[in-house]
Amino acid sequence: MELYNSIIRKVEELTGSSTPRRCPYDPQGAWEDTGSFELVMLRDAAYELGGSSKPAVNFTCVTTSAQLVEQDEILVFGPDLTELRGDSAYARIALLRVGDIESDDEDDTEQAFRAIQDMDFVKYHVFPKGYMIRTSSESNREQVRLSSAALKKGISFRAVGNDFIRQYKQNPNILAVKLIFITAPDADYAALEQEAKTVRDITMSLSKILEGMPTDCGSCNLKPICDEVEGMRELHFGKEKHTTE
């Protein structure tokens, strides 16, 4: 699955000038997870990531490349949670390495693609205590309200990241996770938002292709994505070949 590779290669170029803090995955260091949505009232909040109309970007990319996602790790670009003093721009990007999904069997390949699309839904099942996540799939936003109590207890991106990766690793198809948190003031959030839109367009296009789409490029609304994303056109025409045989 190489459709997202060009985006993965761009991500760290858009994170600003700060040197990242790299933390290996440690499931024992995961922040407490409540197991269900926890409401953090505004009066109990220290600040919001993505608050005050600041950027709040989220997307997930999948690859089979061990060079792009070598191991389970957490990268933090910019101030950590205890270092912020107010609402901040924010991005969280999950890069997932999966096993080789190539198959000569069309049904197996289709099931693999749909499983990959479902991986993004992990974000709806992570509930770090005192870290209220509000996600919009339509706008690619992930806004976080952080409680003062969690801040006093020393919550960090490393601990929250460990919680996220622990949830991802429950899926046997996911071999490695690189989780990136960004709060750097000079990160290019506008460009990250554009990459998030491209990821969403690719995923939507995959869904449509698997349902069977015509290959008249002049009238197909997927043409911009096929032109931009390496491998999308081959997938599109390959699916058409299977449906017409």
Protein backbone atom coordinates (compact mmCIF):
# COMPACT_ATOMS: atom_id res chain seq x y z
CA MET A 1 0.00 0.00 0.00
CA GLU A 2 2.03 2.88 -1.33
CA LEU A 3 -0.71 5.40 -2.16
CA TYR A 4 0.10 7.60 0.85
CA ASN A 5 3.90 7.40 0.65
CA SER A 6 4.43 10.79 -1.00
CA ILE A 7 2.44 12.42 1.81
CA ILE A 8 4.37 10.55 4.50
CA ARG A 9 7.65 11.80 3.01
CA LYS A 10 6.42 15.42 3.22
CA VAL A 11 5.14 15.41 6.79
CA GLU A 12 8.34 16.14 8.70
CA GLU A 13 9.23 18.91 6.24
CA LEU A 14 6.13 20.79 7.43
CA THR A 15 6.74 20.55 11.17
CA GLY A 16 8.80 23.70 11.60
CA SER A 17 12.38 24.28 12.65
CA SER A 18 12.31 22.57 16.05
CA THR A 19 14.18 19.32 16.63
CA PRO A 20 11.71 16.59 17.54
CA ARG A 21 11.71 14.72 20.80
CA ARG A 22 11.66 11.01 19.92
CA CYS A 23 10.17 8.57 22.40
CA PRO A 24 10.03 4.80 21.92
CA TYR A 25 6.68 3.15 22.50
CA ASP A 26 6.22 2.00 26.09
CA PRO A 27 2.79 0.49 26.85
CA GLN A 28 3.55 0.66 30.58
CA GLY A 29 3.95 4.44 30.22
CA ALA A 30 0.53 5.01 28.67
CA TRP A 31 -1.69 7.64 30.24
CA GLU A 32 -4.76 6.30 32.02
CA ASP A 33 -7.59 5.63 29.56
CA THR A 34 -11.14 5.99 30.89
CA GLY A 35 -12.60 3.67 28.24
CA SER A 36 -15.38 6.09 27.35
CA PHE A 37 -15.88 9.76 26.52
CA GLU A 38 -15.10 12.07 29.42
CA LEU A 39 -16.52 15.58 29.41
CA VAL A 40 -14.03 18.25 30.45
CA MET A 41 -15.94 21.40 31.31
CA LEU A 42 -14.50 24.73 30.25
CA ARG A 43 -14.19 25.80 33.88
CA ASP A 44 -11.98 22.77 34.55
CA ALA A 45 -9.78 23.24 31.49
CA ALA A 46 -6.21 24.52 31.39
CA TYR A 47 -6.31 25.27 27.66
CA GLU A 48 -7.30 23.80 24.30
CA LEU A 49 -5.19 22.41 21.49
CA GLY A 50 -6.78 23.99 18.46
CA GLY A 51 -8.71 26.42 20.65
CA SER A 52 -9.34 30.10 19.88
CA SER A 53 -9.84 29.17 16.19
CA LYS A 54 -6.24 27.94 15.90
CA PRO A 55 -5.36 25.12 13.49
CA ALA A 56 -6.09 21.57 14.68
CA VAL A 57 -5.11 19.04 12.02
CA ASN A 58 -5.46 15.28 12.09
CA PHE A 59 -4.91 12.53 9.52
CA THR A 60 -3.75 8.94 9.20
CA CYS A 61 -1.54 7.46 6.47
CA VAL A 62 -0.90 3.79 5.78
CA THR A 63 2.18 2.25 4.17
CA THR A 64 3.95 -1.08 3.77
CA SER A 65 7.36 0.62 3.77
CA ALA A 66 9.66 -0.17 6.71
CA GLN A 67 11.87 2.73 5.63
CA LEU A 68 9.08 5.25 6.16
CA VAL A 69 7.77 3.75 9.42
CA GLU A 70 10.61 1.80 11.00
CA GLN A 71 9.31 1.22 14.51
CA ASP A 72 6.77 2.21 17.12
CA GLU A 73 7.64 5.71 18.27
CA ILE A 74 6.27 9.11 19.27
CA LEU A 75 7.63 12.37 17.85
CA VAL A 76 6.88 15.74 19.45
CA PHE A 77 7.56 18.92 17.49
CA GLY A 78 7.19 22.02 19.65
CA PRO A 79 6.25 22.54 23.31
CA ASP A 80 4.93 19.57 25.26
CA LEU A 81 1.66 19.72 27.18
CA THR A 82 3.23 20.96 30.44
CA GLU A 83 5.18 23.63 28.55
CA LEU A 84 2.21 25.30 26.87
CA ARG A 85 0.72 28.34 28.55
CA GLY A 86 -2.50 28.70 26.60
CA ASP A 87 -4.44 27.65 23.53
CA SER A 88 -2.13 26.37 20.81
CA ALA A 89 -2.12 25.32 17.18
CA TYR A 90 -1.99 21.54 17.01
CA ALA A 91 -1.63 18.57 14.70
CA ARG A 92 -1.65 14.84 15.35
CA ILE A 93 -0.59 12.56 12.51
CA ALA A 94 -0.58 8.77 12.65
CA LEU A 95 1.67 6.88 10.22
CA LEU A 96 0.89 3.17 10.18
CA ARG A 97 2.96 0.38 8.68
CA VAL A 98 0.96 -2.67 7.69
CA GLY A 99 1.75 -6.02 6.11
CA ASP A 100 1.87 -6.41 2.34
CA ILE A 101 -1.71 -6.35 1.11
CA GLU A 102 -1.00 -7.28 -2.49
CA SER A 103 -3.02 -10.30 -3.58
CA ASP A 104 -4.08 -11.99 -6.78
CA ASP A 105 -7.48 -12.63 -5.24
CA GLU A 106 -9.76 -9.63 -5.79
CA ASP A 107 -11.90 -10.39 -2.72
CA ASP A 108 -8.84 -10.60 -0.45
CA THR A 109 -7.50 -7.30 -1.81
CA GLU A 110 -10.84 -5.56 -1.35
CA GLN A 111 -11.13 -6.78 2.24
CA ALA A 112 -7.60 -5.56 2.94
CA PHE A 113 -8.36 -2.09 1.57
CA ARG A 114 -11.50 -1.82 3.65
CA ALA A 115 -9.60 -2.95 6.77
CA ILE A 116 -7.04 -0.21 6.14
CA GLN A 117 -9.77 2.41 5.87
CA ASP A 118 -11.16 1.23 9.21
CA MET A 119 -7.82 1.76 10.96
CA ASP A 120 -8.45 5.48 11.13
CA PHE A 121 -11.42 4.85 13.43
CA VAL A 122 -9.06 3.99 16.30
CA LYS A 123 -9.05 7.71 17.11
CA TYR A 124 -12.70 7.39 18.17
CA HIS A 125 -11.76 4.77 20.79
CA VAL A 126 -8.95 6.53 22.66
CA PHE A 127 -10.00 8.35 25.85
CA PRO A 128 -7.01 9.64 27.86
CA LYS A 129 -8.20 10.85 31.25
CA GLY A 130 -8.51 14.64 31.34
CA TYR A 131 -7.75 14.88 27.60
CA MET A 132 -11.06 15.43 25.83
CA ILE A 133 -10.78 14.85 22.07
CA ARG A 134 -13.28 16.29 19.61
CA THR A 135 -12.81 15.07 16.06
CA SER A 136 -14.45 16.17 12.82
CA SER A 137 -13.89 13.86 9.84
CA GLU A 138 -15.38 16.46 7.50
CA SER A 139 -12.89 19.21 8.36
CA ASN A 140 -9.95 16.94 9.40
CA ARG A 141 -9.84 18.72 12.77
CA GLU A 142 -8.93 17.15 16.10
CA GLN A 143 -9.37 19.62 18.94
CA VAL A 144 -8.35 18.73 22.50
CA ARG A 145 -9.48 20.26 25.78
CA LEU A 146 -6.96 19.53 28.52
CA SER A 147 -8.04 19.51 32.15
CA SER A 148 -6.06 21.36 34.80
CA ALA A 149 -6.06 18.20 36.91
CA ALA A 150 -4.37 16.16 34.16
CA LEU A 151 -1.81 18.92 33.69
CA LYS A 152 -0.97 18.89 37.40
CA LYS A 153 -0.48 15.13 37.24
CA GLY A 154 2.12 15.57 34.51
CA ILE A 155 0.28 14.47 31.38
CA SER A 156 2.52 14.50 28.30
CA PHE A 157 2.33 13.77 24.60
CA ARG A 158 4.52 10.75 25.26
CA ALA A 159 1.98 9.28 27.69
CA VAL A 160 -0.98 10.11 25.46
CA GLY A 161 0.90 8.75 22.45
CA ASN A 162 1.53 5.49 24.27
CA ASP A 163 -2.22 5.22 24.84
CA PHE A 164 -2.93 5.79 21.14
CA ILE A 165 -0.30 3.28 19.98
CA ARG A 166 -1.56 0.69 22.48
CA GLN A 167 -4.98 0.95 20.84
CA TYR A 168 -3.54 0.77 17.32
CA LYS A 169 -1.50 -2.32 18.20
CA GLN A 170 -4.65 -4.24 19.03
CA ASN A 171 -5.10 -4.52 15.26
CA PRO A 172 -2.86 -7.41 14.09
CA ASN A 173 -2.53 -5.83 10.64
CA ILE A 174 -0.65 -2.85 12.11
CA LEU A 175 3.05 -3.68 12.40
CA ALA A 176 4.42 -0.28 13.49
CA VAL A 177 3.10 3.17 14.39
CA LYS A 178 4.85 6.51 14.11
CA LEU A 179 2.71 9.03 16.00
CA ILE A 180 3.52 12.71 15.47
CA PHE A 181 2.34 15.57 17.70
CA ILE A 182 2.94 19.14 16.53
CA THR A 183 2.55 22.38 18.50
CA ALA A 184 5.51 24.26 16.97
CA PRO A 185 4.48 27.86 16.20
CA ASP A 186 6.34 27.85 12.89
CA ALA A 187 4.92 24.57 11.58
CA ASP A 188 3.10 24.90 8.25
CA TYR A 189 -0.40 24.04 9.45
CA ALA A 190 -2.00 25.27 6.22
CA ALA A 191 0.08 22.79 4.23
CA LEU A 192 -0.71 20.04 6.74
CA GLU A 193 -4.41 20.81 6.32
CA GLN A 194 -3.99 20.43 2.57
CA GLU A 195 -2.25 17.07 3.04
CA ALA A 196 -5.10 16.00 5.32
CA LYS A 197 -7.56 16.86 2.55
CA THR A 198 -5.54 14.81 0.05
CA VAL A 199 -5.56 11.84 2.44
CA ARG A 200 -9.34 12.12 2.76
CA ASP A 201 -9.71 12.35 -1.03
CA ILE A 202 -7.55 9.25 -1.52
CA THR A 203 -9.57 7.28 1.02
CA MET A 204 -12.88 8.39 -0.51
CA SER A 205 -11.56 7.51 -3.97
CA LEU A 206 -10.53 4.05 -2.77
CA SER A 207 -14.04 3.44 -1.52
CA LYS A 208 -15.56 4.52 -4.83
CA ILE A 209 -13.08 2.51 -6.90
CA LEU A 210 -13.83 -0.63 -4.92
CA GLU A 211 -17.51 -0.12 -5.64
CA GLY A 212 -16.69 -0.04 -9.35
CA MET A 213 -16.26 3.23 -11.26
CA PRO A 214 -16.24 4.00 -15.00
CA THR A 215 -12.86 4.62 -16.63
CA ASP A 216 -13.83 7.57 -18.80
CA CYS A 217 -11.17 9.91 -17.39
CA GLY A 218 -12.72 12.94 -19.08
CA SER A 219 -15.87 12.71 -16.99
CA CYS A 220 -14.56 11.04 -13.80
CA ASN A 221 -14.37 13.22 -10.69
CA LEU A 222 -11.46 11.10 -9.43
CA LYS A 223 -9.16 12.27 -12.21
CA PRO A 224 -7.30 14.90 -10.09
CA ILE A 225 -6.45 12.26 -7.49
CA CYS A 226 -5.42 9.70 -10.13
CA ASP A 227 -3.15 12.34 -11.69
CA GLU A 228 -1.59 13.30 -8.34
CA VAL A 229 -1.28 9.99 -6.50
CA GLU A 230 1.09 7.33 -7.80
CA GLY A 231 -0.64 3.96 -8.13
CA MET A 232 -4.22 5.26 -7.97
CA ARG A 233 -4.81 5.09 -11.72
CA GLU A 234 -3.48 1.51 -11.88
CA LEU A 235 -5.79 0.54 -9.04
CA HIS A 236 -8.72 2.22 -10.74
CA PHE A 237 -8.21 0.49 -14.08
CA GLY A 238 -7.32 -2.79 -12.41
CA LYS A 239 -10.64 -2.79 -10.61
CA GLU A 240 -12.44 -1.98 -13.85
CA LYS A 241 -10.72 -4.93 -15.54
CA HIS A 242 -11.92 -7.31 -12.83
CA THR A 243 -15.53 -6.05 -13.01
CA THR A 244 -15.74 -6.41 -16.80
CA GLU A 245 -14.21 -9.89 -17.08
